[in-house]
Structures are given as C-alpha cells and as structure tokens.
Amino acid sequence: MTTIYKICPAVLWRNAVRDGWFRGSADDLRDGFIHFSTGAQVRGTAAKYFAGQRDLLLLGVDTERLGDRLKWEPARGGALFPHLYGDMALSAVSRIDMLGTGADGLPLFPSLPQ
C-alpha cells in the first residue's frame, strides 16, 4: 500500500463525512482535481500553502483505493505530485491526524514514511 497525504481544514473533513464524499478544497475545485502530496513532499506543501492556519487535519490516503483517476503529474519544481480527478470515497482514508502549530506558524507533523 502506498499512502499519499491531504492537508485540509477540519471543517472541510466534517462536511465530507456529512456528505459521504470528499470533494476537495476551493483550490481543488478550481483546479479540477484534488491535490495530494507524498510523505516527502507534504511538509513543503504545508509551509507553502498552510502556514499560520489552525484546525488542520492530515489525511493519509491509500492510493490503491483511488483507481485510475489518480494521476502523477509534474508540479512544484517539476516533481511529480498525486492528483485525483474526481471525488474521493471516505473509505480511501487510512489515517487522520490533527496537526498542531509550531511557534513558527507551521503545522507540526506526526512521523510519516518517506
């Protein structure tokens, strides 16, 4: 199993649980796919897009449950990032961690496989 990660506000996840599907953030909806990061990329994503935000969750997602709608595409610095074209079933989420905030305003992460 390969795990990819999605940082999202807790309210967005609560809405997904209520609706039965995760449709993504406003940025995801704008771009036409749900943005994910690998374990090696997620801290950079947090620093670039989530600094200073609170009440964030880190969703660990099993790539095998996403099917062929998951594409690996060049993004930041030419690195390949996972993008999901379509809504995500909640059953694809294998772990959920609350992210604290460090003194520098950046999210604090649990131990993740790289």
PDB file of N, CA and C in Angstrom:
ATOM      1  N   MET A   1       0.836  -1.181   0.000  1.00  0.00           N
ATOM      2  CA  MET A   1       0.000   0.000   0.000  1.00  0.00           C
ATOM      3  C   MET A   1       0.884   1.248   0.000  1.00  0.00           C
ATOM      4  N   THR A   2       0.573   2.185  -0.852  1.00  0.00           N
ATOM      5  CA  THR A   2       1.239   3.483  -0.876  1.00  0.00           C
ATOM      6  C   THR A   2       0.286   4.510  -0.282  1.00  0.00           C
ATOM      7  N   THR A   3       0.806   5.330   0.624  1.00  0.00           N
ATOM      8  CA  THR A   3      -0.010   6.361   1.253  1.00  0.00           C
ATOM      9  C   THR A   3       0.410   7.723   0.725  1.00  0.00           C
ATOM     10  N   ILE A   4      -0.588   8.530   0.343  1.00  0.00           N
ATOM     11  CA  ILE A   4      -0.380   9.929  -0.006  1.00  0.00           C
ATOM     12  C   ILE A   4      -1.163  10.758   1.003  1.00  0.00           C
ATOM     13  N   TYR A   5      -0.909  12.061   1.015  1.00  0.00           N
ATOM     14  CA  TYR A   5      -1.451  12.886   2.087  1.00  0.00           C
ATOM     15  C   TYR A   5      -2.179  14.116   1.559  1.00  0.00           C
ATOM     16  N   LYS A   6      -3.231  14.485   2.289  1.00  0.00           N
ATOM     17  CA  LYS A   6      -4.009  15.687   2.009  1.00  0.00           C
ATOM     18  C   LYS A   6      -4.119  16.470   3.302  1.00  0.00           C
ATOM     19  N   ILE A   7      -3.697  17.727   3.277  1.00  0.00           N
ATOM     20  CA  ILE A   7      -3.895  18.633   4.404  1.00  0.00           C
ATOM     21  C   ILE A   7      -5.212  19.344   4.164  1.00  0.00           C
ATOM     22  N   CYS A   8      -6.069  19.351   5.170  1.00  0.00           N
ATOM     23  CA  CYS A   8      -7.341  20.057   4.985  1.00  0.00           C
ATOM     24  C   CYS A   8      -7.843  20.606   6.313  1.00  0.00           C
ATOM     25  N   PRO A   9      -8.572  21.712   6.248  1.00  0.00           N
ATOM     26  CA  PRO A   9      -9.213  22.223   7.457  1.00  0.00           C
ATOM     27  C   PRO A   9     -10.193  21.185   8.010  1.00  0.00           C
ATOM     28  N   ALA A  10     -10.266  21.088   9.327  1.00  0.00           N
ATOM     29  CA  ALA A  10     -11.151  20.101   9.955  1.00  0.00           C
ATOM     30  C   ALA A  10     -12.597  20.283   9.507  1.00  0.00           C
ATOM     31  N   VAL A  11     -13.032  21.519   9.304  1.00  0.00           N
ATOM     32  CA  VAL A  11     -14.416  21.761   8.880  1.00  0.00           C
ATOM     33  C   VAL A  11     -14.687  21.136   7.511  1.00  0.00           C
ATOM     34  N   LEU A  12     -13.702  21.147   6.640  1.00  0.00           N
ATOM     35  CA  LEU A  12     -13.866  20.538   5.319  1.00  0.00           C
ATOM     36  C   LEU A  12     -14.052  19.022   5.440  1.00  0.00           C
ATOM     37  N   TRP A  13     -13.326  18.401   6.357  1.00  0.00           N
ATOM     38  CA  TRP A  13     -13.484  16.964   6.581  1.00  0.00           C
ATOM     39  C   TRP A  13     -14.846  16.652   7.210  1.00  0.00           C
ATOM     40  N   ARG A  14     -15.265  17.476   8.161  1.00  0.00           N
ATOM     41  CA  ARG A  14     -16.586  17.263   8.759  1.00  0.00           C
ATOM     42  C   ARG A  14     -17.682  17.352   7.695  1.00  0.00           C
ATOM     43  N   ASN A  15     -17.553  18.274   6.773  1.00  0.00           N
ATOM     44  CA  ASN A  15     -18.515  18.378   5.672  1.00  0.00           C
ATOM     45  C   ASN A  15     -18.486  17.136   4.794  1.00  0.00           C
ATOM     46  N   ALA A  16     -17.297  16.605   4.550  1.00  0.00           N
ATOM     47  CA  ALA A  16     -17.169  15.392   3.744  1.00  0.00           C
ATOM     48  C   ALA A  16     -17.862  14.214   4.430  1.00  0.00           C
ATOM     49  N   VAL A  17     -17.660  14.081   5.730  1.00  0.00           N
ATOM     50  CA  VAL A  17     -18.303  12.997   6.484  1.00  0.00           C
ATOM     51  C   VAL A  17     -19.824  13.144   6.395  1.00  0.00           C
ATOM     52  N   ARG A  18     -20.313  14.352   6.537  1.00  0.00           N
ATOM     53  CA  ARG A  18     -21.756  14.603   6.434  1.00  0.00           C
ATOM     54  C   ARG A  18     -22.278  14.230   5.039  1.00  0.00           C
ATOM     55  N   ASP A  19     -21.512  14.593   3.987  1.00  0.00           N
ATOM     56  CA  ASP A  19     -21.950  14.372   2.605  1.00  0.00           C
ATOM     57  C   ASP A  19     -21.678  12.959   2.091  1.00  0.00           C
ATOM     58  N   GLY A  20     -20.725  12.257   2.737  1.00  0.00           N
ATOM     59  CA  GLY A  20     -20.381  10.912   2.294  1.00  0.00           C
ATOM     60  C   GLY A  20     -19.265  10.852   1.257  1.00  0.00           C
ATOM     61  N   TRP A  21     -18.730  12.006   0.834  1.00  0.00           N
ATOM     62  CA  TRP A  21     -17.646  12.083  -0.155  1.00  0.00           C
ATOM     63  C   TRP A  21     -16.762  13.271   0.161  1.00  0.00           C
ATOM     64  N   PHE A  22     -15.482  13.162  -0.171  1.00  0.00           N
ATOM     65  CA  PHE A  22     -14.578  14.304  -0.071  1.00  0.00           C
ATOM     66  C   PHE A  22     -14.427  14.882  -1.467  1.00  0.00           C
ATOM     67  N   ARG A  23     -14.868  16.131  -1.622  1.00  0.00           N
ATOM     68  CA  ARG A  23     -14.838  16.774  -2.938  1.00  0.00           C
ATOM     69  C   ARG A  23     -13.658  17.715  -3.101  1.00  0.00           C
ATOM     70  N   GLY A  24     -12.945  17.978  -2.010  1.00  0.00           N
ATOM     71  CA  GLY A  24     -11.770  18.830  -2.073  1.00  0.00           C
ATOM     72  C   GLY A  24     -12.028  20.245  -1.598  1.00  0.00           C
ATOM     73  N   SER A  25     -10.960  21.007  -1.594  1.00  0.00           N
ATOM     74  CA  SER A  25     -10.994  22.405  -1.154  1.00  0.00           C
ATOM     75  C   SER A  25     -11.416  23.303  -2.308  1.00  0.00           C
ATOM     76  N   ALA A  26     -11.551  24.580  -2.019  1.00  0.00           N
ATOM     77  CA  ALA A  26     -11.857  25.550  -3.078  1.00  0.00           C
ATOM     78  C   ALA A  26     -10.768  25.531  -4.147  1.00  0.00           C
ATOM     79  N   ASP A  27      -9.503  25.395  -3.738  1.00  0.00           N
ATOM     80  CA  ASP A  27      -8.404  25.314  -4.720  1.00  0.00           C
ATOM     81  C   ASP A  27      -8.520  24.060  -5.575  1.00  0.00           C
ATOM     82  N   ASP A  28      -8.874  22.939  -4.948  1.00  0.00           N
ATOM     83  CA  ASP A  28      -9.050  21.689  -5.692  1.00  0.00           C
ATOM     84  C   ASP A  28     -10.168  21.841  -6.719  1.00  0.00           C
ATOM     85  N   LEU A  29     -11.283  22.398  -6.281  1.00  0.00           N
ATOM     86  CA  LEU A  29     -12.429  22.580  -7.184  1.00  0.00           C
ATOM     87  C   LEU A  29     -12.056  23.498  -8.342  1.00  0.00           C
ATOM     88  N   ARG A  30     -11.318  24.562  -8.050  1.00  0.00           N
ATOM     89  CA  ARG A  30     -10.860  25.483  -9.093  1.00  0.00           C
ATOM     90  C   ARG A  30      -9.965  24.779 -10.118  1.00  0.00           C
ATOM     91  N   ASP A  31      -9.052  23.929  -9.624  1.00  0.00           N
ATOM     92  CA  ASP A  31      -8.074  23.281 -10.497  1.00  0.00           C
ATOM     93  C   ASP A  31      -8.604  22.029 -11.191  1.00  0.00           C
ATOM     94  N   GLY A  32      -9.735  21.497 -10.727  1.00  0.00           N
ATOM     95  CA  GLY A  32     -10.333  20.331 -11.375  1.00  0.00           C
ATOM     96  C   GLY A  32      -9.817  18.992 -10.875  1.00  0.00           C
ATOM     97  N   PHE A  33      -9.038  19.008  -9.799  1.00  0.00           N
ATOM     98  CA  PHE A  33      -8.543  17.765  -9.197  1.00  0.00           C
ATOM     99  C   PHE A  33      -8.202  18.028  -7.747  1.00  0.00           C
ATOM    100  N   ILE A  34      -8.143  16.954  -6.951  1.00  0.00           N
ATOM    101  CA  ILE A  34      -7.759  17.059  -5.550  1.00  0.00           C
ATOM    102  C   ILE A  34      -6.247  16.921  -5.467  1.00  0.00           C
ATOM    103  N   HIS A  35      -5.606  17.915  -4.865  1.00  0.00           N
ATOM    104  CA  HIS A  35      -4.156  17.945  -4.680  1.00  0.00           C
ATOM    105  C   HIS A  35      -3.750  17.053  -3.509  1.00  0.00           C
ATOM    106  N   PHE A  36      -2.745  16.239  -3.711  1.00  0.00           N
ATOM    107  CA  PHE A  36      -2.151  15.422  -2.657  1.00  0.00           C
ATOM    108  C   PHE A  36      -0.644  15.621  -2.670  1.00  0.00           C
ATOM    109  N   SER A  37       0.016  15.121  -1.645  1.00  0.00           N
ATOM    110  CA  SER A  37       1.470  15.124  -1.554  1.00  0.00           C
ATOM    111  C   SER A  37       1.928  13.770  -1.045  1.00  0.00           C
ATOM    112  N   THR A  38       3.166  13.420  -1.369  1.00  0.00           N
ATOM    113  CA  THR A  38       3.774  12.231  -0.780  1.00  0.00           C
ATOM    114  C   THR A  38       4.268  12.585   0.623  1.00  0.00           C
ATOM    115  N   GLY A  39       4.712  11.594   1.366  1.00  0.00           N
ATOM    116  CA  GLY A  39       5.283  11.838   2.681  1.00  0.00           C
ATOM    117  C   GLY A  39       6.492  12.758   2.619  1.00  0.00           C
ATOM    118  N   ALA A  40       7.279  12.662   1.552  1.00  0.00           N
ATOM    119  CA  ALA A  40       8.456  13.517   1.394  1.00  0.00           C
ATOM    120  C   ALA A  40       8.080  14.939   0.983  1.00  0.00           C
ATOM    121  N   GLN A  41       6.922  15.134   0.397  1.00  0.00           N
ATOM    122  CA  GLN A  41       6.513  16.444  -0.116  1.00  0.00           C
ATOM    123  C   GLN A  41       5.612  17.234   0.826  1.00  0.00           C
ATOM    124  N   VAL A  42       4.942  16.561   1.747  1.00  0.00           N
ATOM    125  CA  VAL A  42       3.845  17.183   2.484  1.00  0.00           C
ATOM    126  C   VAL A  42       4.295  18.342   3.378  1.00  0.00           C
ATOM    127  N   ARG A  43       5.478  18.294   3.930  1.00  0.00           N
ATOM    128  CA  ARG A  43       5.939  19.408   4.767  1.00  0.00           C
ATOM    129  C   ARG A  43       6.172  20.666   3.928  1.00  0.00           C
ATOM    130  N   GLY A  44       6.678  20.503   2.721  1.00  0.00           N
ATOM    131  CA  GLY A  44       6.839  21.637   1.813  1.00  0.00           C
ATOM    132  C   GLY A  44       5.498  22.222   1.410  1.00  0.00           C
ATOM    133  N   THR A  45       4.530  21.355   1.176  1.00  0.00           N
ATOM    134  CA  THR A  45       3.175  21.813   0.863  1.00  0.00           C
ATOM    135  C   THR A  45       2.605  22.611   2.033  1.00  0.00           C
ATOM    136  N   ALA A  46       2.808  22.111   3.240  1.00  0.00           N
ATOM    137  CA  ALA A  46       2.309  22.802   4.429  1.00  0.00           C
ATOM    138  C   ALA A  46       2.937  24.182   4.565  1.00  0.00           C
ATOM    139  N   ALA A  47       4.256  24.265   4.368  1.00  0.00           N
ATOM    140  CA  ALA A  47       4.951  25.545   4.502  1.00  0.00           C
ATOM    141  C   ALA A  47       4.475  26.551   3.457  1.00  0.00           C
ATOM    142  N   LYS A  48       4.232  26.086   2.243  1.00  0.00           N
ATOM    143  CA  LYS A  48       3.857  26.984   1.142  1.00  0.00           C
ATOM    144  C   LYS A  48       2.397  27.429   1.223  1.00  0.00           C
ATOM    145  N   TYR A  49       1.502  26.531   1.602  1.00  0.00           N
ATOM    146  CA  TYR A  49       0.068  26.812   1.493  1.00  0.00           C
ATOM    147  C   TYR A  49      -0.703  26.886   2.810  1.00  0.00           C
ATOM    148  N   PHE A  50      -0.121  26.401   3.910  1.00  0.00           N
ATOM    149  CA  PHE A  50      -0.897  26.300   5.150  1.00  0.00           C
ATOM    150  C   PHE A  50      -0.259  26.998   6.349  1.00  0.00           C
ATOM    151  N   ALA A  51       0.804  27.759   6.149  1.00  0.00           N
ATOM    152  CA  ALA A  51       1.452  28.467   7.258  1.00  0.00           C
ATOM    153  C   ALA A  51       0.444  29.405   7.927  1.00  0.00           C
ATOM    154  N   GLY A  52       0.440  29.374   9.245  1.00  0.00           N
ATOM    155  CA  GLY A  52      -0.425  30.257  10.011  1.00  0.00           C
ATOM    156  C   GLY A  52      -1.851  29.765  10.174  1.00  0.00           C
ATOM    157  N   GLN A  53      -2.221  28.689   9.506  1.00  0.00           N
ATOM    158  CA  GLN A  53      -3.582  28.162   9.636  1.00  0.00           C
ATOM    159  C   GLN A  53      -3.669  27.200  10.821  1.00  0.00           C
ATOM    160  N   ARG A  54      -4.821  27.157  11.415  1.00  0.00           N
ATOM    161  CA  ARG A  54      -5.055  26.270  12.558  1.00  0.00           C
ATOM    162  C   ARG A  54      -6.212  25.335  12.236  1.00  0.00           C
ATOM    163  N   ASP A  55      -6.412  24.359  13.110  1.00  0.00           N
ATOM    164  CA  ASP A  55      -7.503  23.390  12.965  1.00  0.00           C
ATOM    165  C   ASP A  55      -7.391  22.620  11.653  1.00  0.00           C
ATOM    166  N   LEU A  56      -6.167  22.133  11.410  1.00  0.00           N
ATOM    167  CA  LEU A  56      -5.898  21.355  10.192  1.00  0.00           C
ATOM    168  C   LEU A  56      -5.799  19.875  10.512  1.00  0.00           C
ATOM    169  N   LEU A  57      -6.214  19.069   9.540  1.00  0.00           N
ATOM    170  CA  LEU A  57      -6.061  17.618   9.610  1.00  0.00           C
ATOM    171  C   LEU A  57      -5.127  17.164   8.516  1.00  0.00           C
ATOM    172  N   LEU A  58      -4.461  16.054   8.767  1.00  0.00           N
ATOM    173  CA  LEU A  58      -3.668  15.388   7.752  1.00  0.00           C
ATOM    174  C   LEU A  58      -4.350  14.059   7.460  1.00  0.00           C
ATOM    175  N   LEU A  59      -4.824  13.917   6.234  1.00  0.00           N
ATOM    176  CA  LEU A  59      -5.464  12.675   5.808  1.00  0.00           C
ATOM    177  C   LEU A  59      -4.435  11.791   5.120  1.00  0.00           C
ATOM    178  N   GLY A  60      -4.286  10.569   5.587  1.00  0.00           N
ATOM    179  CA  GLY A  60      -3.472   9.574   4.906  1.00  0.00           C
ATOM    180  C   GLY A  60      -4.390   8.759   4.010  1.00  0.00           C
ATOM    181  N   VAL A  61      -4.063   8.681   2.728  1.00  0.00           N
ATOM    182  CA  VAL A  61      -4.956   8.076   1.742  1.00  0.00           C
ATOM    183  C   VAL A  61      -4.240   6.929   1.032  1.00  0.00           C
ATOM    184  N   ASP A  62      -4.908   5.802   0.949  1.00  0.00           N
ATOM    185  CA  ASP A  62      -4.395   4.603   0.287  1.00  0.00           C
ATOM    186  C   ASP A  62      -4.582   4.753  -1.227  1.00  0.00           C
ATOM    187  N   THR A  63      -3.479   4.838  -1.968  1.00  0.00           N
ATOM    188  CA  THR A  63      -3.564   5.051  -3.418  1.00  0.00           C
ATOM    189  C   THR A  63      -4.287   3.910  -4.138  1.00  0.00           C
ATOM    190  N   GLU A  64      -4.226   2.706  -3.589  1.00  0.00           N
ATOM    191  CA  GLU A  64      -4.874   1.565  -4.242  1.00  0.00           C
ATOM    192  C   GLU A  64      -6.395   1.718  -4.268  1.00  0.00           C
ATOM    193  N   ARG A  65      -6.936   2.525  -3.373  1.00  0.00           N
ATOM    194  CA  ARG A  65      -8.389   2.721  -3.314  1.00  0.00           C
ATOM    195  C   ARG A  65      -8.880   3.863  -4.213  1.00  0.00           C
ATOM    196  N   LEU A  66      -7.947   4.510  -4.917  1.00  0.00           N
ATOM    197  CA  LEU A  66      -8.323   5.652  -5.750  1.00  0.00           C
ATOM    198  C   LEU A  66      -8.499   5.293  -7.224  1.00  0.00           C
ATOM    199  N   GLY A  67      -7.951   4.170  -7.630  1.00  0.00           N
ATOM    200  CA  GLY A  67      -8.131   3.719  -9.006  1.00  0.00           C
ATOM    201  C   GLY A  67      -7.396   4.568 -10.024  1.00  0.00           C
ATOM    202  N   ASP A  68      -7.854   4.494 -11.258  1.00  0.00           N
ATOM    203  CA  ASP A  68      -7.145   5.141 -12.363  1.00  0.00           C
ATOM    204  C   ASP A  68      -7.428   6.636 -12.477  1.00  0.00           C
ATOM    205  N   ARG A  69      -8.216   7.183 -11.566  1.00  0.00           N
ATOM    206  CA  ARG A  69      -8.435   8.638 -11.549  1.00  0.00           C
ATOM    207  C   ARG A  69      -7.278   9.367 -10.873  1.00  0.00           C
ATOM    208  N   LEU A  70      -6.355   8.604 -10.246  1.00  0.00           N
ATOM    209  CA  LEU A  70      -5.162   9.188  -9.631  1.00  0.00           C
ATOM    210  C   LEU A  70      -4.082   9.300 -10.691  1.00  0.00           C
ATOM    211  N   LYS A  71      -3.573  10.507 -10.879  1.00  0.00           N
ATOM    212  CA  LYS A  71      -2.515  10.772 -11.861  1.00  0.00           C
ATOM    213  C   LYS A  71      -1.329  11.406 -11.144  1.00  0.00           C
ATOM    214  N   TRP A  72      -0.139  11.036 -11.574  1.00  0.00           N
ATOM    215  CA  TRP A  72       1.085  11.638 -11.043  1.00  0.00           C
ATOM    216  C   TRP A  72       1.563  12.636 -12.085  1.00  0.00           C
ATOM    217  N   GLU A  73       1.553  13.924 -11.704  1.00  0.00           N
ATOM    218  CA  GLU A  73       1.830  14.983 -12.671  1.00  0.00           C
ATOM    219  C   GLU A  73       2.871  15.956 -12.126  1.00  0.00           C
ATOM    220  N   PRO A  74       3.680  16.531 -13.039  1.00  0.00           N
ATOM    221  CA  PRO A  74       4.677  17.499 -12.586  1.00  0.00           C
ATOM    222  C   PRO A  74       4.013  18.736 -11.997  1.00  0.00           C
ATOM    223  N   ALA A  75       4.572  19.219 -10.899  1.00  0.00           N
ATOM    224  CA  ALA A  75       4.066  20.427 -10.245  1.00  0.00           C
ATOM    225  C   ALA A  75       5.270  21.191  -9.712  1.00  0.00           C
ATOM    226  N   ARG A  76       5.218  21.596  -8.472  1.00  0.00           N
ATOM    227  CA  ARG A  76       6.257  22.412  -7.843  1.00  0.00           C
ATOM    228  C   ARG A  76       7.656  21.873  -8.137  1.00  0.00           C
ATOM    229  N   GLY A  77       8.460  22.682  -8.813  1.00  0.00           N
ATOM    230  CA  GLY A  77       9.840  22.302  -9.106  1.00  0.00           C
ATOM    231  C   GLY A  77       9.969  21.126 -10.052  1.00  0.00           C
ATOM    232  N   GLY A  78       8.907  20.776 -10.764  1.00  0.00           N
ATOM    233  CA  GLY A  78       8.950  19.653 -11.697  1.00  0.00           C
ATOM    234  C   GLY A  78       8.755  18.297 -11.051  1.00  0.00           C
ATOM    235  N   ALA A  79       8.622  18.259  -9.725  1.00  0.00           N
ATOM    236  CA  ALA A  79       8.406  16.987  -9.024  1.00  0.00           C
ATOM    237  C   ALA A  79       7.014  16.443  -9.354  1.00  0.00           C
ATOM    238  N   LEU A  80       6.886  15.124  -9.369  1.00  0.00           N
ATOM    239  CA  LEU A  80       5.593  14.501  -9.617  1.00  0.00           C
ATOM    240  C   LEU A  80       4.764  14.504  -8.338  1.00  0.00           C
ATOM    241  N   PHE A  81       3.550  15.043  -8.456  1.00  0.00           N
ATOM    242  CA  PHE A  81       2.612  15.085  -7.345  1.00  0.00           C
ATOM    243  C   PHE A  81       1.368  14.292  -7.715  1.00  0.00           C
ATOM    244  N   PRO A  82       0.740  13.640  -6.729  1.00  0.00           N
ATOM    245  CA  PRO A  82      -0.501  12.898  -6.987  1.00  0.00           C
ATOM    246  C   PRO A  82      -1.700  13.840  -7.051  1.00  0.00           C
ATOM    247  N   HIS A  83      -2.501  13.672  -8.103  1.00  0.00           N
ATOM    248  CA  HIS A  83      -3.726  14.456  -8.304  1.00  0.00           C
ATOM    249  C   HIS A  83      -4.869  13.493  -8.568  1.00  0.00           C
ATOM    250  N   LEU A  84      -5.975  13.680  -7.879  1.00  0.00           N
ATOM    251  CA  LEU A  84      -7.146  12.825  -8.065  1.00  0.00           C
ATOM    252  C   LEU A  84      -8.203  13.591  -8.841  1.00  0.00           C
ATOM    253  N   TYR A  85      -8.581  13.059  -9.982  1.00  0.00           N
ATOM    254  CA  TYR A  85      -9.607  13.662 -10.822  1.00  0.00           C
ATOM    255  C   TYR A  85     -10.957  13.056 -10.471  1.00  0.00           C
ATOM    256  N   GLY A  86     -11.656  13.708  -9.571  1.00  0.00           N
ATOM    257  CA  GLY A  86     -12.960  13.245  -9.114  1.00  0.00           C
ATOM    258  C   GLY A  86     -13.029  13.279  -7.602  1.00  0.00           C
ATOM    259  N   ASP A  87     -14.192  12.990  -7.072  1.00  0.00           N
ATOM    260  CA  ASP A  87     -14.400  12.949  -5.632  1.00  0.00           C
ATOM    261  C   ASP A  87     -13.703  11.738  -5.028  1.00  0.00           C
ATOM    262  N   MET A  88     -13.384  11.830  -3.748  1.00  0.00           N
ATOM    263  CA  MET A  88     -12.717  10.732  -3.054  1.00  0.00           C
ATOM    264  C   MET A  88     -13.683  10.072  -2.077  1.00  0.00           C
ATOM    265  N   ALA A  89     -13.779   8.753  -2.169  1.00  0.00           N
ATOM    266  CA  ALA A  89     -14.563   7.990  -1.199  1.00  0.00           C
ATOM    267  C   ALA A  89     -13.875   8.081   0.165  1.00  0.00           C
ATOM    268  N   LEU A  90     -14.655   8.233   1.206  1.00  0.00           N
ATOM    269  CA  LEU A  90     -14.094   8.329   2.551  1.00  0.00           C
ATOM    270  C   LEU A  90     -13.342   7.060   2.935  1.00  0.00           C
ATOM    271  N   SER A  91     -13.721   5.950   2.359  1.00  0.00           N
ATOM    272  CA  SER A  91     -13.065   4.669   2.664  1.00  0.00           C
ATOM    273  C   SER A  91     -11.618   4.620   2.187  1.00  0.00           C
ATOM    274  N   ALA A  92     -11.194   5.560   1.346  1.00  0.00           N
ATOM    275  CA  ALA A  92      -9.804   5.607   0.891  1.00  0.00           C
ATOM    276  C   ALA A  92      -8.873   6.155   1.973  1.00  0.00           C
ATOM    277  N   VAL A  93      -9.439   6.807   2.975  1.00  0.00           N
ATOM    278  CA  VAL A  93      -8.633   7.419   4.039  1.00  0.00           C
ATOM    279  C   VAL A  93      -8.254   6.342   5.055  1.00  0.00           C
ATOM    280  N   SER A  94      -6.943   6.164   5.235  1.00  0.00           N
ATOM    281  CA  SER A  94      -6.449   5.124   6.141  1.00  0.00           C
ATOM    282  C   SER A  94      -6.004   5.679   7.487  1.00  0.00           C
ATOM    283  N   ARG A  95      -5.813   7.000   7.577  1.00  0.00           N
ATOM    284  CA  ARG A  95      -5.442   7.614   8.852  1.00  0.00           C
ATOM    285  C   ARG A  95      -5.814   9.089   8.822  1.00  0.00           C
ATOM    286  N   ILE A  96      -6.085   9.622  10.005  1.00  0.00           N
ATOM    287  CA  ILE A  96      -6.392  11.041  10.160  1.00  0.00           C
ATOM    288  C   ILE A  96      -5.631  11.529  11.381  1.00  0.00           C
ATOM    289  N   ASP A  97      -4.827  12.558  11.190  1.00  0.00           N
ATOM    290  CA  ASP A  97      -4.065  13.145  12.289  1.00  0.00           C
ATOM    291  C   ASP A  97      -4.406  14.630  12.397  1.00  0.00           C
ATOM    292  N   MET A  98      -4.606  15.116  13.604  1.00  0.00           N
ATOM    293  CA  MET A  98      -4.757  16.547  13.837  1.00  0.00           C
ATOM    294  C   MET A  98      -3.357  17.148  13.811  1.00  0.00           C
ATOM    295  N   LEU A  99      -3.196  18.259  13.099  1.00  0.00           N
ATOM    296  CA  LEU A  99      -1.899  18.917  13.016  1.00  0.00           C
ATOM    297  C   LEU A  99      -1.874  20.103  13.981  1.00  0.00           C
ATOM    298  N   GLY A 100      -0.927  20.077  14.896  1.00  0.00           N
ATOM    299  CA  GLY A 100      -0.724  21.225  15.763  1.00  0.00           C
ATOM    300  C   GLY A 100       0.011  22.314  14.988  1.00  0.00           C
ATOM    301  N   THR A 101       0.295  23.410  15.655  1.00  0.00           N
ATOM    302  CA  THR A 101       1.011  24.514  15.022  1.00  0.00           C
ATOM    303  C   THR A 101       2.235  24.851  15.852  1.00  0.00           C
ATOM    304  N   GLY A 102       3.388  24.933  15.183  1.00  0.00           N
ATOM    305  CA  GLY A 102       4.623  25.272  15.867  1.00  0.00           C
ATOM    306  C   GLY A 102       4.742  26.767  16.121  1.00  0.00           C
ATOM    307  N   ALA A 103       5.742  27.149  16.880  1.00  0.00           N
ATOM    308  CA  ALA A 103       5.978  28.558  17.190  1.00  0.00           C
ATOM    309  C   ALA A 103       6.225  29.381  15.923  1.00  0.00           C
ATOM    310  N   ASP A 104       6.703  28.725  14.868  1.00  0.00           N
ATOM    311  CA  ASP A 104       6.959  29.402  13.595  1.00  0.00           C
ATOM    312  C   ASP A 104       5.712  29.510  12.717  1.00  0.00           C
ATOM    313  N   GLY A 105       4.578  29.002  13.221  1.00  0.00           N
ATOM    314  CA  GLY A 105       3.329  29.057  12.463  1.00  0.00           C
ATOM    315  C   GLY A 105       3.128  27.913  11.503  1.00  0.00           C
ATOM    316  N   LEU A 106       4.098  27.013  11.419  1.00  0.00           N
ATOM    317  CA  LEU A 106       3.984  25.877  10.502  1.00  0.00           C
ATOM    318  C   LEU A 106       3.336  24.688  11.203  1.00  0.00           C
ATOM    319  N   PRO A 107       2.582  23.892  10.436  1.00  0.00           N
ATOM    320  CA  PRO A 107       1.985  22.694  11.027  1.00  0.00           C
ATOM    321  C   PRO A 107       3.044  21.732  11.564  1.00  0.00           C
ATOM    322  N   LEU A 108       2.717  21.092  12.670  1.00  0.00           N
ATOM    323  CA  LEU A 108       3.561  20.059  13.268  1.00  0.00           C
ATOM    324  C   LEU A 108       3.044  18.701  12.819  1.00  0.00           C
ATOM    325  N   PHE A 109       3.942  17.851  12.308  1.00  0.00           N
ATOM    326  CA  PHE A 109       3.554  16.576  11.721  1.00  0.00           C
ATOM    327  C   PHE A 109       3.887  15.387  12.596  1.00  0.00           C
ATOM    328  N   PRO A 110       3.068  14.350  12.508  1.00  0.00           N
ATOM    329  CA  PRO A 110       3.426  13.065  13.112  1.00  0.00           C
ATOM    330  C   PRO A 110       4.532  12.436  12.275  1.00  0.00           C
ATOM    331  N   SER A 111       5.088  11.360  12.754  1.00  0.00           N
ATOM    332  CA  SER A 111       6.077  10.615  11.978  1.00  0.00           C
ATOM    333  C   SER A 111       5.391  10.003  10.759  1.00  0.00           C
ATOM    334  N   LEU A 112       5.977  10.200   9.582  1.00  0.00           N
ATOM    335  CA  LEU A 112       5.423   9.677   8.335  1.00  0.00           C
ATOM    336  C   LEU A 112       6.491   8.918   7.577  1.00  0.00           C
ATOM    337  N   PRO A 113       6.089   7.841   6.880  1.00  0.00           N
ATOM    338  CA  PRO A 113       7.048   7.182   5.992  1.00  0.00           C
ATOM    339  C   PRO A 113       7.376   8.094   4.824  1.00  0.00           C
ATOM    340  N   GLN A 114       8.599   8.099   4.403  1.00  0.00           N
ATOM    341  CA  GLN A 114       9.013   8.943   3.277  1.00  0.00           C
ATOM    342  C   GLN A 114       8.847   8.177   1.986  1.00  0.00           C
TER     343      GLN A 114
END
